[in-house]
Amino acid sequence: MAYNHGVPQKTLAVQYGISDRSVKRLIANARKSGLQLRTRAI
């Protein structure tokens, strides 16, 4: 996942044509599902 490799949430939002809020929601849902994601900005 690009997020785990240090890509900022805003960059992901632009890349996929979605809002920052949508990216944050997707990350939160992934964490709730048990995926191991970075815990802070790089």
PDB file of N, CA and C in Angstrom:
ATOM      1  N   MET A   1       0.846  -1.180   0.000  1.00  0.00           N
ATOM      2  CA  MET A   1       0.000   0.000   0.000  1.00  0.00           C
ATOM      3  C   MET A   1       0.891   1.243   0.000  1.00  0.00           C
ATOM      4  N   ALA A   2       0.605   2.156  -0.865  1.00  0.00           N
ATOM      5  CA  ALA A   2       1.407   3.373  -1.005  1.00  0.00           C
ATOM      6  C   ALA A   2       1.481   4.142   0.308  1.00  0.00           C
ATOM      7  N   TYR A   3       0.409   4.139   1.062  1.00  0.00           N
ATOM      8  CA  TYR A   3       0.376   4.846   2.346  1.00  0.00           C
ATOM      9  C   TYR A   3       1.487   4.348   3.265  1.00  0.00           C
ATOM     10  N   ASN A   4       1.706   3.042   3.298  1.00  0.00           N
ATOM     11  CA  ASN A   4       2.752   2.474   4.150  1.00  0.00           C
ATOM     12  C   ASN A   4       4.149   2.821   3.667  1.00  0.00           C
ATOM     13  N   HIS A   5       4.287   3.201   2.422  1.00  0.00           N
ATOM     14  CA  HIS A   5       5.583   3.577   1.879  1.00  0.00           C
ATOM     15  C   HIS A   5       5.837   5.074   1.980  1.00  0.00           C
ATOM     16  N   GLY A   6       4.977   5.781   2.710  1.00  0.00           N
ATOM     17  CA  GLY A   6       5.216   7.190   2.992  1.00  0.00           C
ATOM     18  C   GLY A   6       4.481   8.191   2.125  1.00  0.00           C
ATOM     19  N   VAL A   7       3.624   7.725   1.232  1.00  0.00           N
ATOM     20  CA  VAL A   7       2.880   8.659   0.386  1.00  0.00           C
ATOM     21  C   VAL A   7       1.850   9.382   1.266  1.00  0.00           C
ATOM     22  N   PRO A   8       1.867  10.714   1.260  1.00  0.00           N
ATOM     23  CA  PRO A   8       0.921  11.483   2.087  1.00  0.00           C
ATOM     24  C   PRO A   8      -0.537  11.261   1.665  1.00  0.00           C
ATOM     25  N   GLN A   9      -1.417  11.391   2.626  1.00  0.00           N
ATOM     26  CA  GLN A   9      -2.847  11.212   2.366  1.00  0.00           C
ATOM     27  C   GLN A   9      -3.346  12.173   1.291  1.00  0.00           C
ATOM     28  N   LYS A  10      -2.897  13.409   1.314  1.00  0.00           N
ATOM     29  CA  LYS A  10      -3.341  14.378   0.303  1.00  0.00           C
ATOM     30  C   LYS A  10      -2.926  13.947  -1.097  1.00  0.00           C
ATOM     31  N   THR A  11      -1.724  13.399  -1.220  1.00  0.00           N
ATOM     32  CA  THR A  11      -1.245  12.928  -2.517  1.00  0.00           C
ATOM     33  C   THR A  11      -2.105  11.771  -3.006  1.00  0.00           C
ATOM     34  N   LEU A  12      -2.448  10.867  -2.117  1.00  0.00           N
ATOM     35  CA  LEU A  12      -3.311   9.738  -2.487  1.00  0.00           C
ATOM     36  C   LEU A  12      -4.685  10.237  -2.938  1.00  0.00           C
ATOM     37  N   ALA A  13      -5.204  11.232  -2.250  1.00  0.00           N
ATOM     38  CA  ALA A  13      -6.512  11.781  -2.611  1.00  0.00           C
ATOM     39  C   ALA A  13      -6.492  12.339  -4.032  1.00  0.00           C
ATOM     40  N   VAL A  14      -5.460  13.100  -4.356  1.00  0.00           N
ATOM     41  CA  VAL A  14      -5.342  13.668  -5.699  1.00  0.00           C
ATOM     42  C   VAL A  14      -5.149  12.555  -6.733  1.00  0.00           C
ATOM     43  N   GLN A  15      -4.284  11.613  -6.418  1.00  0.00           N
ATOM     44  CA  GLN A  15      -3.974  10.522  -7.344  1.00  0.00           C
ATOM     45  C   GLN A  15      -5.220   9.722  -7.709  1.00  0.00           C
ATOM     46  N   TYR A  16      -6.083   9.480  -6.720  1.00  0.00           N
ATOM     47  CA  TYR A  16      -7.275   8.663  -6.963  1.00  0.00           C
ATOM     48  C   TYR A  16      -8.542   9.480  -7.211  1.00  0.00           C
ATOM     49  N   GLY A  17      -8.423  10.802  -7.171  1.00  0.00           N
ATOM     50  CA  GLY A  17      -9.569  11.658  -7.458  1.00  0.00           C
ATOM     51  C   GLY A  17     -10.656  11.599  -6.407  1.00  0.00           C
ATOM     52  N   ILE A  18     -10.235  11.473  -5.144  1.00  0.00           N
ATOM     53  CA  ILE A  18     -11.191  11.442  -4.039  1.00  0.00           C
ATOM     54  C   ILE A  18     -10.783  12.495  -3.009  1.00  0.00           C
ATOM     55  N   SER A  19     -11.639  12.730  -2.049  1.00  0.00           N
ATOM     56  CA  SER A  19     -11.359  13.750  -1.040  1.00  0.00           C
ATOM     57  C   SER A  19     -10.374  13.232   0.005  1.00  0.00           C
ATOM     58  N   ASP A  20      -9.720  14.176   0.700  1.00  0.00           N
ATOM     59  CA  ASP A  20      -8.832  13.810   1.813  1.00  0.00           C
ATOM     60  C   ASP A  20      -9.606  13.005   2.852  1.00  0.00           C
ATOM     61  N   ARG A  21     -10.822  13.432   3.086  1.00  0.00           N
ATOM     62  CA  ARG A  21     -11.665  12.760   4.082  1.00  0.00           C
ATOM     63  C   ARG A  21     -11.927  11.304   3.699  1.00  0.00           C
ATOM     64  N   SER A  22     -12.122  11.042   2.411  1.00  0.00           N
ATOM     65  CA  SER A  22     -12.335   9.673   1.946  1.00  0.00           C
ATOM     66  C   SER A  22     -11.104   8.815   2.184  1.00  0.00           C
ATOM     67  N   VAL A  23      -9.927   9.387   1.944  1.00  0.00           N
ATOM     68  CA  VAL A  23      -8.682   8.648   2.190  1.00  0.00           C
ATOM     69  C   VAL A  23      -8.574   8.310   3.667  1.00  0.00           C
ATOM     70  N   LYS A  24      -8.835   9.274   4.525  1.00  0.00           N
ATOM     71  CA  LYS A  24      -8.769   9.039   5.972  1.00  0.00           C
ATOM     72  C   LYS A  24      -9.745   7.949   6.391  1.00  0.00           C
ATOM     73  N   ARG A  25     -10.944   7.969   5.817  1.00  0.00           N
ATOM     74  CA  ARG A  25     -11.952   6.954   6.139  1.00  0.00           C
ATOM     75  C   ARG A  25     -11.499   5.569   5.675  1.00  0.00           C
ATOM     76  N   LEU A  26     -10.929   5.490   4.471  1.00  0.00           N
ATOM     77  CA  LEU A  26     -10.439   4.210   3.966  1.00  0.00           C
ATOM     78  C   LEU A  26      -9.315   3.659   4.843  1.00  0.00           C
ATOM     79  N   ILE A  27      -8.431   4.522   5.294  1.00  0.00           N
ATOM     80  CA  ILE A  27      -7.338   4.093   6.165  1.00  0.00           C
ATOM     81  C   ILE A  27      -7.892   3.609   7.502  1.00  0.00           C
ATOM     82  N   ALA A  28      -8.840   4.348   8.057  1.00  0.00           N
ATOM     83  CA  ALA A  28      -9.444   3.943   9.326  1.00  0.00           C
ATOM     84  C   ALA A  28     -10.146   2.595   9.191  1.00  0.00           C
ATOM     85  N   ASN A  29     -10.859   2.391   8.097  1.00  0.00           N
ATOM     86  CA  ASN A  29     -11.547   1.110   7.877  1.00  0.00           C
ATOM     87  C   ASN A  29     -10.550  -0.033   7.711  1.00  0.00           C
ATOM     88  N   ALA A  30      -9.439   0.228   7.051  1.00  0.00           N
ATOM     89  CA  ALA A  30      -8.405  -0.797   6.877  1.00  0.00           C
ATOM     90  C   ALA A  30      -7.831  -1.193   8.234  1.00  0.00           C
ATOM     91  N   ARG A  31      -7.595  -0.206   9.086  1.00  0.00           N
ATOM     92  CA  ARG A  31      -7.080  -0.505  10.431  1.00  0.00           C
ATOM     93  C   ARG A  31      -8.077  -1.339  11.224  1.00  0.00           C
ATOM     94  N   LYS A  32      -9.360  -0.988  11.139  1.00  0.00           N
ATOM     95  CA  LYS A  32     -10.395  -1.736  11.856  1.00  0.00           C
ATOM     96  C   LYS A  32     -10.486  -3.172  11.361  1.00  0.00           C
ATOM     97  N   SER A  33     -10.132  -3.393  10.102  1.00  0.00           N
ATOM     98  CA  SER A  33     -10.166  -4.729   9.513  1.00  0.00           C
ATOM     99  C   SER A  33      -8.935  -5.554   9.898  1.00  0.00           C
ATOM    100  N   GLY A  34      -7.995  -4.919  10.577  1.00  0.00           N
ATOM    101  CA  GLY A  34      -6.827  -5.638  11.045  1.00  0.00           C
ATOM    102  C   GLY A  34      -5.569  -5.460  10.223  1.00  0.00           C
ATOM    103  N   LEU A  35      -5.602  -4.628   9.193  1.00  0.00           N
ATOM    104  CA  LEU A  35      -4.391  -4.389   8.414  1.00  0.00           C
ATOM    105  C   LEU A  35      -3.386  -3.577   9.231  1.00  0.00           C
ATOM    106  N   GLN A  36      -2.132  -3.924   9.097  1.00  0.00           N
ATOM    107  CA  GLN A  36      -1.078  -3.199   9.785  1.00  0.00           C
ATOM    108  C   GLN A  36      -0.657  -2.024   8.900  1.00  0.00           C
ATOM    109  N   LEU A  37      -0.908  -0.823   9.352  1.00  0.00           N
ATOM    110  CA  LEU A  37      -0.552   0.384   8.615  1.00  0.00           C
ATOM    111  C   LEU A  37       0.403   1.219   9.452  1.00  0.00           C
ATOM    112  N   ARG A  38       1.127   2.096   8.787  1.00  0.00           N
ATOM    113  CA  ARG A  38       2.020   2.977   9.556  1.00  0.00           C
ATOM    114  C   ARG A  38       1.187   3.759  10.554  1.00  0.00           C
ATOM    115  N   THR A  39       1.798   4.111  11.657  1.00  0.00           N
ATOM    116  CA  THR A  39       1.056   4.758  12.715  1.00  0.00           C
ATOM    117  C   THR A  39       1.212   6.270  12.739  1.00  0.00           C
ATOM    118  N   ARG A  40       2.201   6.788  11.987  1.00  0.00           N
ATOM    119  CA  ARG A  40       2.374   8.235  11.936  1.00  0.00           C
ATOM    120  C   ARG A  40       3.012   8.630  10.622  1.00  0.00           C
ATOM    121  N   ALA A  41       2.951   9.904  10.340  1.00  0.00           N
ATOM    122  CA  ALA A  41       3.515  10.414   9.085  1.00  0.00           C
ATOM    123  C   ALA A  41       5.012  10.171   9.040  1.00  0.00           C
ATOM    124  N   ILE A  42       5.481   9.943   7.858  1.00  0.00           N
ATOM    125  CA  ILE A  42       6.916   9.714   7.642  1.00  0.00           C
ATOM    126  C   ILE A  42       7.565  11.030   7.253  1.00  0.00           C
TER     127      ILE A  42
END
